[in-house]
Amino acid sequence: MPLLQHCIPIDWQADAARWRNGEMNLANWCQQLVASKAMVPLIHHWLIIQGQRSMRGLRMNTLGWFDFKSAWFAPPDPE
């Protein structure tokens, strides 16, 4: 985090000490950084495809699309 300490003008050492001593609510501290636009969170959502449970090999590409080229169906369980 050394680079970040030079980019956001807060007293990092004092805040770290307050956090270690249990004197600071970390969620509120993070919310203040977001509210002041010092940090912009990147949001990640897990996506789930609903369909055949026997489908295997589905992957998401770098653009967030599901890549079906290597998808396959598992053979049915022998009864």
N, C-alpha and C. Protein backbone atom coordinates (compact mmCIF):
# COMPACT_ATOMS: atom_id res chain seq x y z
N MET A 1 0.79 -1.20 0.00
CA MET A 1 0.00 0.00 0.00
C MET A 1 0.84 1.27 0.00
N PRO A 2 2.14 1.20 -0.15
CA PRO A 2 2.94 2.43 -0.11
C PRO A 2 2.53 3.46 -1.15
N LEU A 3 2.23 3.05 -2.39
CA LEU A 3 1.83 4.01 -3.41
C LEU A 3 0.52 4.67 -3.03
N LEU A 4 -0.41 3.89 -2.52
CA LEU A 4 -1.71 4.43 -2.12
C LEU A 4 -1.56 5.48 -1.03
N GLN A 5 -0.59 5.30 -0.15
CA GLN A 5 -0.37 6.27 0.93
C GLN A 5 0.04 7.63 0.40
N HIS A 6 0.66 7.66 -0.77
CA HIS A 6 1.06 8.93 -1.38
C HIS A 6 -0.07 9.57 -2.18
N CYS A 7 -1.08 8.78 -2.54
CA CYS A 7 -2.16 9.27 -3.39
C CYS A 7 -3.35 9.82 -2.62
N ILE A 8 -3.58 9.28 -1.43
CA ILE A 8 -4.74 9.70 -0.64
C ILE A 8 -4.24 10.42 0.61
N PRO A 9 -4.54 11.72 0.72
CA PRO A 9 -3.98 12.53 1.81
C PRO A 9 -4.70 12.34 3.15
N ILE A 10 -4.45 11.20 3.79
CA ILE A 10 -4.97 10.97 5.14
C ILE A 10 -3.81 10.49 6.00
N ASP A 11 -3.98 10.50 7.28
CA ASP A 11 -2.94 10.03 8.20
C ASP A 11 -3.05 8.52 8.34
N TRP A 12 -2.38 7.80 7.45
CA TRP A 12 -2.47 6.34 7.40
C TRP A 12 -1.98 5.70 8.70
N GLN A 13 -0.89 6.23 9.24
CA GLN A 13 -0.32 5.64 10.46
C GLN A 13 -1.28 5.78 11.64
N ALA A 14 -1.88 6.96 11.78
CA ALA A 14 -2.82 7.19 12.89
C ALA A 14 -4.06 6.32 12.72
N ASP A 15 -4.56 6.22 11.49
CA ASP A 15 -5.74 5.39 11.25
C ASP A 15 -5.44 3.92 11.52
N ALA A 16 -4.25 3.46 11.12
CA ALA A 16 -3.87 2.07 11.38
C ALA A 16 -3.78 1.81 12.88
N ALA A 17 -3.23 2.76 13.62
CA ALA A 17 -3.12 2.61 15.08
C ALA A 17 -4.50 2.58 15.72
N ARG A 18 -5.40 3.45 15.27
CA ARG A 18 -6.77 3.46 15.80
C ARG A 18 -7.47 2.14 15.51
N TRP A 19 -7.25 1.59 14.31
CA TRP A 19 -7.87 0.32 13.94
C TRP A 19 -7.33 -0.82 14.81
N ARG A 20 -6.00 -0.84 15.00
CA ARG A 20 -5.39 -1.89 15.83
C ARG A 20 -5.89 -1.84 17.27
N ASN A 21 -6.15 -0.64 17.77
CA ASN A 21 -6.63 -0.47 19.14
C ASN A 21 -8.13 -0.69 19.27
N GLY A 22 -8.79 -0.98 18.15
CA GLY A 22 -10.24 -1.21 18.18
C GLY A 22 -11.05 0.06 18.31
N GLU A 23 -10.45 1.20 17.98
CA GLU A 23 -11.12 2.50 18.13
C GLU A 23 -11.76 2.98 16.84
N MET A 24 -11.62 2.22 15.76
CA MET A 24 -12.13 2.68 14.47
C MET A 24 -13.00 1.61 13.84
N ASN A 25 -14.15 2.02 13.34
CA ASN A 25 -15.03 1.13 12.61
C ASN A 25 -14.55 1.10 11.16
N LEU A 26 -14.05 -0.03 10.72
CA LEU A 26 -13.45 -0.14 9.40
C LEU A 26 -14.47 0.11 8.29
N ALA A 27 -15.71 -0.35 8.47
CA ALA A 27 -16.75 -0.14 7.46
C ALA A 27 -17.01 1.36 7.27
N ASN A 28 -17.09 2.10 8.36
CA ASN A 28 -17.30 3.55 8.26
C ASN A 28 -16.12 4.25 7.61
N TRP A 29 -14.91 3.81 7.94
CA TRP A 29 -13.70 4.39 7.36
C TRP A 29 -13.70 4.18 5.84
N CYS A 30 -14.04 2.97 5.41
CA CYS A 30 -14.09 2.68 3.97
C CYS A 30 -15.18 3.50 3.29
N GLN A 31 -16.32 3.63 3.97
CA GLN A 31 -17.42 4.41 3.41
C GLN A 31 -17.03 5.88 3.24
N GLN A 32 -16.24 6.41 4.16
CA GLN A 32 -15.76 7.79 4.04
C GLN A 32 -14.84 7.94 2.84
N LEU A 33 -13.98 6.95 2.60
CA LEU A 33 -13.09 7.01 1.43
C LEU A 33 -13.88 6.99 0.13
N VAL A 34 -14.93 6.18 0.09
CA VAL A 34 -15.77 6.12 -1.10
C VAL A 34 -16.56 7.42 -1.26
N ALA A 35 -17.12 7.94 -0.17
CA ALA A 35 -17.91 9.17 -0.23
C ALA A 35 -17.07 10.37 -0.68
N SER A 36 -15.81 10.39 -0.27
CA SER A 36 -14.93 11.49 -0.68
C SER A 36 -14.33 11.28 -2.07
N LYS A 37 -14.69 10.16 -2.69
CA LYS A 37 -14.21 9.78 -4.02
C LYS A 37 -12.69 9.55 -4.04
N ALA A 38 -12.14 9.26 -2.87
CA ALA A 38 -10.72 8.90 -2.80
C ALA A 38 -10.52 7.49 -3.34
N MET A 39 -11.56 6.66 -3.20
CA MET A 39 -11.53 5.29 -3.73
C MET A 39 -12.83 5.02 -4.45
N VAL A 40 -12.74 4.29 -5.53
CA VAL A 40 -13.92 3.86 -6.27
C VAL A 40 -13.88 2.34 -6.29
N PRO A 41 -14.82 1.70 -5.61
CA PRO A 41 -14.79 0.24 -5.56
C PRO A 41 -15.17 -0.38 -6.90
N LEU A 42 -14.50 -1.45 -7.23
CA LEU A 42 -14.86 -2.24 -8.40
C LEU A 42 -15.76 -3.36 -7.90
N ILE A 43 -16.85 -3.57 -8.57
CA ILE A 43 -17.83 -4.54 -8.10
C ILE A 43 -17.72 -5.81 -8.92
N HIS A 44 -17.75 -6.93 -8.23
CA HIS A 44 -17.68 -8.23 -8.89
C HIS A 44 -18.89 -9.04 -8.44
N HIS A 45 -19.62 -9.55 -9.39
CA HIS A 45 -20.77 -10.41 -9.09
C HIS A 45 -20.50 -11.80 -9.64
N TRP A 46 -20.82 -12.80 -8.86
CA TRP A 46 -20.74 -14.18 -9.35
C TRP A 46 -22.00 -14.45 -10.15
N LEU A 47 -21.83 -14.89 -11.37
CA LEU A 47 -22.97 -15.21 -12.22
C LEU A 47 -23.12 -16.72 -12.29
N ILE A 48 -24.34 -17.16 -12.30
CA ILE A 48 -24.62 -18.59 -12.37
C ILE A 48 -25.53 -18.83 -13.56
N ILE A 49 -25.18 -19.81 -14.38
CA ILE A 49 -26.04 -20.19 -15.49
C ILE A 49 -27.00 -21.25 -14.98
N GLN A 50 -28.27 -21.03 -15.25
CA GLN A 50 -29.25 -22.05 -14.89
C GLN A 50 -29.50 -22.90 -16.12
N GLY A 51 -29.45 -24.17 -15.94
CA GLY A 51 -29.67 -25.08 -17.06
C GLY A 51 -29.43 -26.50 -16.63
N GLN A 52 -29.01 -27.30 -17.56
CA GLN A 52 -28.75 -28.71 -17.28
C GLN A 52 -27.63 -28.85 -16.26
N ARG A 53 -27.87 -29.63 -15.23
CA ARG A 53 -26.84 -29.85 -14.22
C ARG A 53 -25.70 -30.71 -14.75
N SER A 54 -25.93 -31.38 -15.86
CA SER A 54 -24.88 -32.23 -16.41
C SER A 54 -23.94 -31.46 -17.34
N MET A 55 -24.20 -30.17 -17.57
CA MET A 55 -23.34 -29.38 -18.45
C MET A 55 -22.03 -29.05 -17.74
N ARG A 56 -20.94 -29.23 -18.43
CA ARG A 56 -19.61 -28.98 -17.87
C ARG A 56 -18.81 -28.10 -18.83
N GLY A 57 -17.75 -27.50 -18.32
CA GLY A 57 -16.81 -26.76 -19.17
C GLY A 57 -17.21 -25.33 -19.51
N LEU A 58 -18.23 -24.79 -18.87
CA LEU A 58 -18.61 -23.40 -19.16
C LEU A 58 -17.63 -22.46 -18.47
N ARG A 59 -17.14 -21.49 -19.20
CA ARG A 59 -16.22 -20.50 -18.64
C ARG A 59 -16.66 -19.12 -19.11
N MET A 60 -16.33 -18.12 -18.31
CA MET A 60 -16.62 -16.74 -18.69
C MET A 60 -15.35 -16.13 -19.28
N ASN A 61 -15.49 -15.44 -20.42
CA ASN A 61 -14.31 -14.82 -21.04
C ASN A 61 -14.02 -13.47 -20.40
N THR A 62 -13.00 -12.79 -20.88
CA THR A 62 -12.58 -11.53 -20.27
C THR A 62 -13.60 -10.41 -20.46
N LEU A 63 -14.52 -10.56 -21.39
CA LEU A 63 -15.56 -9.55 -21.61
C LEU A 63 -16.81 -9.82 -20.79
N GLY A 64 -16.80 -10.91 -20.02
CA GLY A 64 -17.95 -11.23 -19.19
C GLY A 64 -19.00 -12.09 -19.86
N TRP A 65 -18.68 -12.60 -21.06
CA TRP A 65 -19.62 -13.47 -21.76
C TRP A 65 -19.25 -14.92 -21.48
N PHE A 66 -20.26 -15.77 -21.46
CA PHE A 66 -19.99 -17.19 -21.26
C PHE A 66 -19.48 -17.79 -22.56
N ASP A 67 -18.42 -18.54 -22.46
CA ASP A 67 -17.78 -19.17 -23.61
C ASP A 67 -18.29 -20.61 -23.70
N PHE A 68 -19.15 -20.87 -24.67
CA PHE A 68 -19.77 -22.18 -24.79
C PHE A 68 -18.98 -23.13 -25.70
N LYS A 69 -17.87 -22.68 -26.28
CA LYS A 69 -17.17 -23.52 -27.25
C LYS A 69 -16.60 -24.80 -26.65
N SER A 70 -16.31 -24.79 -25.37
CA SER A 70 -15.78 -26.01 -24.75
C SER A 70 -16.77 -26.63 -23.77
N ALA A 71 -18.04 -26.26 -23.91
CA ALA A 71 -19.06 -26.85 -23.04
C ALA A 71 -19.40 -28.26 -23.51
N TRP A 72 -19.70 -29.10 -22.56
CA TRP A 72 -20.07 -30.48 -22.89
C TRP A 72 -21.01 -31.01 -21.82
N PHE A 73 -21.73 -32.06 -22.17
CA PHE A 73 -22.64 -32.69 -21.22
C PHE A 73 -22.00 -33.95 -20.67
N ALA A 74 -22.05 -34.10 -19.37
CA ALA A 74 -21.54 -35.31 -18.74
C ALA A 74 -22.49 -36.46 -19.07
N PRO A 75 -21.93 -37.65 -19.29
CA PRO A 75 -22.80 -38.80 -19.57
C PRO A 75 -23.68 -39.10 -18.36
N PRO A 76 -24.87 -39.64 -18.61
CA PRO A 76 -25.76 -39.94 -17.49
C PRO A 76 -25.17 -41.01 -16.58
N ASP A 77 -25.54 -40.94 -15.32
CA ASP A 77 -25.07 -41.95 -14.37
C ASP A 77 -25.66 -43.31 -14.72
N PRO A 78 -24.85 -44.35 -14.67
CA PRO A 78 -25.41 -45.69 -14.93
C PRO A 78 -26.35 -46.09 -13.79
N GLU A 79 -27.43 -46.69 -14.16
CA GLU A 79 -28.41 -47.07 -13.14
C GLU A 79 -28.28 -48.50 -12.74
